[in-house]
């Protein structure tokens, strides 16, 4: 890797030792500034990662709540179907078919 002085000479910028020392000092200041800015850049990236992580966690909580509501709706619908079977049983006095219908629908909620 070339030094700042070598690159300055190639570019025709360095005419004497005083100017070369100033240019080298200037390069040191730039390197120091880059080193000092790195932590703040990392902090900014960490804040962005935290924002994204929070958003993903919120999304997961939303999906979990939606899934719980969906499961509850399915159970309610199955119970409603079972009650229809029981009503058929009560109104038609068909013991075996209605009981089988109700049992089959309720059994599905266990899977």
C-alpha atoms as a PDB file:
ATOM      1  CA  UNK A   1       0.000   0.000   0.000  1.00  0.00           C
ATOM      2  CA  UNK A   2       1.346   3.411  -0.932  1.00  0.00           C
ATOM      3  CA  UNK A   3       1.867   6.105   1.671  1.00  0.00           C
ATOM      4  CA  UNK A   4       0.193   9.479   1.403  1.00  0.00           C
ATOM      5  CA  UNK A   5       3.552  11.048   0.551  1.00  0.00           C
ATOM      6  CA  UNK A   6       4.150   8.593  -2.309  1.00  0.00           C
ATOM      7  CA  UNK A   7       0.725   9.282  -3.750  1.00  0.00           C
ATOM      8  CA  UNK A   8       1.216  13.058  -3.337  1.00  0.00           C
ATOM      9  CA  UNK A   9       4.562  12.870  -5.161  1.00  0.00           C
ATOM     10  CA  UNK A  10       2.974  10.887  -8.007  1.00  0.00           C
ATOM     11  CA  UNK A  11       0.257  13.521  -8.240  1.00  0.00           C
ATOM     12  CA  UNK A  12       2.871  16.298  -8.237  1.00  0.00           C
ATOM     13  CA  UNK A  13       1.626  17.834  -4.988  1.00  0.00           C
ATOM     14  CA  UNK A  14       4.734  17.548  -2.805  1.00  0.00           C
ATOM     15  CA  UNK A  15       7.477  20.044  -3.428  1.00  0.00           C
ATOM     16  CA  UNK A  16       9.436  19.985  -0.185  1.00  0.00           C
ATOM     17  CA  UNK A  17       9.853  18.314   3.203  1.00  0.00           C
ATOM     18  CA  UNK A  18       7.671  20.856   5.081  1.00  0.00           C
ATOM     19  CA  UNK A  19       4.790  20.337   2.726  1.00  0.00           C
ATOM     20  CA  UNK A  20       5.257  16.539   2.912  1.00  0.00           C
ATOM     21  CA  UNK A  21       5.092  16.577   6.730  1.00  0.00           C
ATOM     22  CA  UNK A  22       1.924  18.673   6.614  1.00  0.00           C
ATOM     23  CA  UNK A  23       0.371  16.320   4.123  1.00  0.00           C
ATOM     24  CA  UNK A  24       1.306  13.293   6.242  1.00  0.00           C
ATOM     25  CA  UNK A  25      -0.175  14.987   9.338  1.00  0.00           C
ATOM     26  CA  UNK A  26      -3.323  15.725   7.355  1.00  0.00           C
ATOM     27  CA  UNK A  27      -3.558  12.029   6.415  1.00  0.00           C
ATOM     28  CA  UNK A  28      -3.135  11.057  10.086  1.00  0.00           C
ATOM     29  CA  UNK A  29      -5.995  13.388  11.034  1.00  0.00           C
ATOM     30  CA  UNK A  30      -8.202  11.812   8.376  1.00  0.00           C
ATOM     31  CA  UNK A  31      -7.374   8.297   9.610  1.00  0.00           C
ATOM     32  CA  UNK A  32      -8.046   9.331  13.216  1.00  0.00           C
ATOM     33  CA  UNK A  33     -11.366  10.868  12.216  1.00  0.00           C
ATOM     34  CA  UNK A  34     -12.338   7.675  10.399  1.00  0.00           C
ATOM     35  CA  UNK A  35     -11.455   5.620  13.482  1.00  0.00           C
ATOM     36  CA  UNK A  36     -13.467   7.944  15.702  1.00  0.00           C
ATOM     37  CA  UNK A  37     -16.483   7.945  13.394  1.00  0.00           C
ATOM     38  CA  UNK A  38     -16.648   4.154  13.275  1.00  0.00           C
ATOM     39  CA  UNK A  39     -18.209   3.756  16.752  1.00  0.00           C
ATOM     40  CA  UNK A  40     -20.948   6.264  15.945  1.00  0.00           C
ATOM     41  CA  UNK A  41     -21.646   4.453  12.670  1.00  0.00           C
ATOM     42  CA  UNK A  42     -21.823   1.170  14.561  1.00  0.00           C
ATOM     43  CA  UNK A  43     -24.214   2.719  17.087  1.00  0.00           C
ATOM     44  CA  UNK A  44     -26.427   3.949  14.244  1.00  0.00           C
ATOM     45  CA  UNK A  45     -26.431   0.476  12.677  1.00  0.00           C
ATOM     46  CA  UNK A  46     -27.200  -1.086  16.054  1.00  0.00           C
ATOM     47  CA  UNK A  47     -30.180   1.269  16.475  1.00  0.00           C
ATOM     48  CA  UNK A  48     -31.435   0.249  13.033  1.00  0.00           C
ATOM     49  CA  UNK A  49     -31.025  -3.437  13.882  1.00  0.00           C
ATOM     50  CA  UNK A  50     -32.949  -2.879  17.130  1.00  0.00           C
ATOM     51  CA  UNK A  51     -35.761  -1.129  15.255  1.00  0.00           C
ATOM     52  CA  UNK A  52     -35.975  -4.026  12.781  1.00  0.00           C
ATOM     53  CA  UNK A  53     -35.835  -6.609  15.582  1.00  0.00           C
ATOM     54  CA  UNK A  54     -38.647  -4.837  17.419  1.00  0.00           C
ATOM     55  CA  UNK A  55     -40.691  -4.727  14.220  1.00  0.00           C
ATOM     56  CA  UNK A  56     -40.162  -8.456  13.659  1.00  0.00           C
ATOM     57  CA  UNK A  57     -41.149  -9.198  17.261  1.00  0.00           C
ATOM     58  CA  UNK A  58     -44.283  -7.079  16.861  1.00  0.00           C
ATOM     59  CA  UNK A  59     -45.066  -8.919  13.628  1.00  0.00           C
ATOM     60  CA  UNK A  60     -44.633 -12.283  15.346  1.00  0.00           C
ATOM     61  CA  UNK A  61     -46.901 -11.232  18.244  1.00  0.00           C
ATOM     62  CA  UNK A  62     -49.500 -10.104  15.708  1.00  0.00           C
ATOM     63  CA  UNK A  63     -49.300 -13.426  13.847  1.00  0.00           C
ATOM     64  CA  UNK A  64     -49.511 -15.362  17.127  1.00  0.00           C
ATOM     65  CA  UNK A  65     -52.620 -13.418  18.163  1.00  0.00           C
ATOM     66  CA  UNK A  66     -54.163 -13.938  14.732  1.00  0.00           C
ATOM     67  CA  UNK A  67     -53.409 -17.654  14.878  1.00  0.00           C
ATOM     68  CA  UNK A  68     -55.018 -17.914  18.333  1.00  0.00           C
ATOM     69  CA  UNK A  69     -58.129 -16.122  17.061  1.00  0.00           C
ATOM     70  CA  UNK A  70     -58.224 -18.411  14.033  1.00  0.00           C
ATOM     71  CA  UNK A  71     -57.994 -21.535  16.202  1.00  0.00           C
ATOM     72  CA  UNK A  72     -60.745 -20.200  18.463  1.00  0.00           C
ATOM     73  CA  UNK A  73     -62.966 -19.525  15.450  1.00  0.00           C
ATOM     74  CA  UNK A  74     -62.388 -23.056  14.163  1.00  0.00           C
ATOM     75  CA  UNK A  75     -63.289 -24.552  17.541  1.00  0.00           C
ATOM     76  CA  UNK A  76     -66.439 -22.412  17.706  1.00  0.00           C
ATOM     77  CA  UNK A  77     -67.443 -23.459  14.198  1.00  0.00           C
ATOM     78  CA  UNK A  78     -66.903 -27.137  15.001  1.00  0.00           C
ATOM     79  CA  UNK A  79     -68.964 -26.830  18.168  1.00  0.00           C
ATOM     80  CA  UNK A  80     -71.725 -25.141  16.185  1.00  0.00           C
ATOM     81  CA  UNK A  81     -71.707 -28.052  13.726  1.00  0.00           C
ATOM     82  CA  UNK A  82     -71.853 -30.523  16.595  1.00  0.00           C
ATOM     83  CA  UNK A  83     -74.867 -28.720  18.039  1.00  0.00           C
ATOM     84  CA  UNK A  84     -76.598 -28.930  14.680  1.00  0.00           C
ATOM     85  CA  UNK A  85     -76.043 -32.683  14.724  1.00  0.00           C
ATOM     86  CA  UNK A  86     -77.439 -32.861  18.248  1.00  0.00           C
ATOM     87  CA  UNK A  87     -80.483 -30.815  17.211  1.00  0.00           C
ATOM     88  CA  UNK A  88     -81.043 -33.202  14.330  1.00  0.00           C
ATOM     89  CA  UNK A  89     -80.813 -36.046  16.797  1.00  0.00           C
ATOM     90  CA  UNK A  90     -83.301 -34.404  19.156  1.00  0.00           C
ATOM     91  CA  UNK A  91     -85.781 -33.558  16.442  1.00  0.00           C
ATOM     92  CA  UNK A  92     -85.606 -36.785  14.459  1.00  0.00           C
ATOM     93  CA  UNK A  93     -84.753 -39.171  17.272  1.00  0.00           C
ATOM     94  CA  UNK A  94     -82.020 -40.698  15.191  1.00  0.00           C
ATOM     95  CA  UNK A  95     -79.700 -41.887  17.912  1.00  0.00           C
ATOM     96  CA  UNK A  96     -76.841 -43.384  16.009  1.00  0.00           C
ATOM     97  CA  UNK A  97     -76.273 -41.101  12.972  1.00  0.00           C
ATOM     98  CA  UNK A  98     -76.513 -37.836  14.902  1.00  0.00           C
ATOM     99  CA  UNK A  99     -74.248 -38.995  17.707  1.00  0.00           C
ATOM    100  CA  UNK A 100     -71.699 -40.169  15.187  1.00  0.00           C
ATOM    101  CA  UNK A 101     -71.914 -36.808  13.401  1.00  0.00           C
ATOM    102  CA  UNK A 102     -71.412 -34.836  16.636  1.00  0.00           C
ATOM    103  CA  UNK A 103     -68.572 -37.078  17.802  1.00  0.00           C
ATOM    104  CA  UNK A 104     -66.767 -36.886  14.486  1.00  0.00           C
ATOM    105  CA  UNK A 105     -66.941 -33.088  14.367  1.00  0.00           C
ATOM    106  CA  UNK A 106     -65.767 -32.731  17.985  1.00  0.00           C
ATOM    107  CA  UNK A 107     -62.934 -35.199  17.411  1.00  0.00           C
ATOM    108  CA  UNK A 108     -61.550 -32.996  14.654  1.00  0.00           C
ATOM    109  CA  UNK A 109     -60.801 -30.243  17.174  1.00  0.00           C
ATOM    110  CA  UNK A 110     -58.244 -32.556  18.793  1.00  0.00           C
ATOM    111  CA  UNK A 111     -56.081 -32.662  15.680  1.00  0.00           C
END
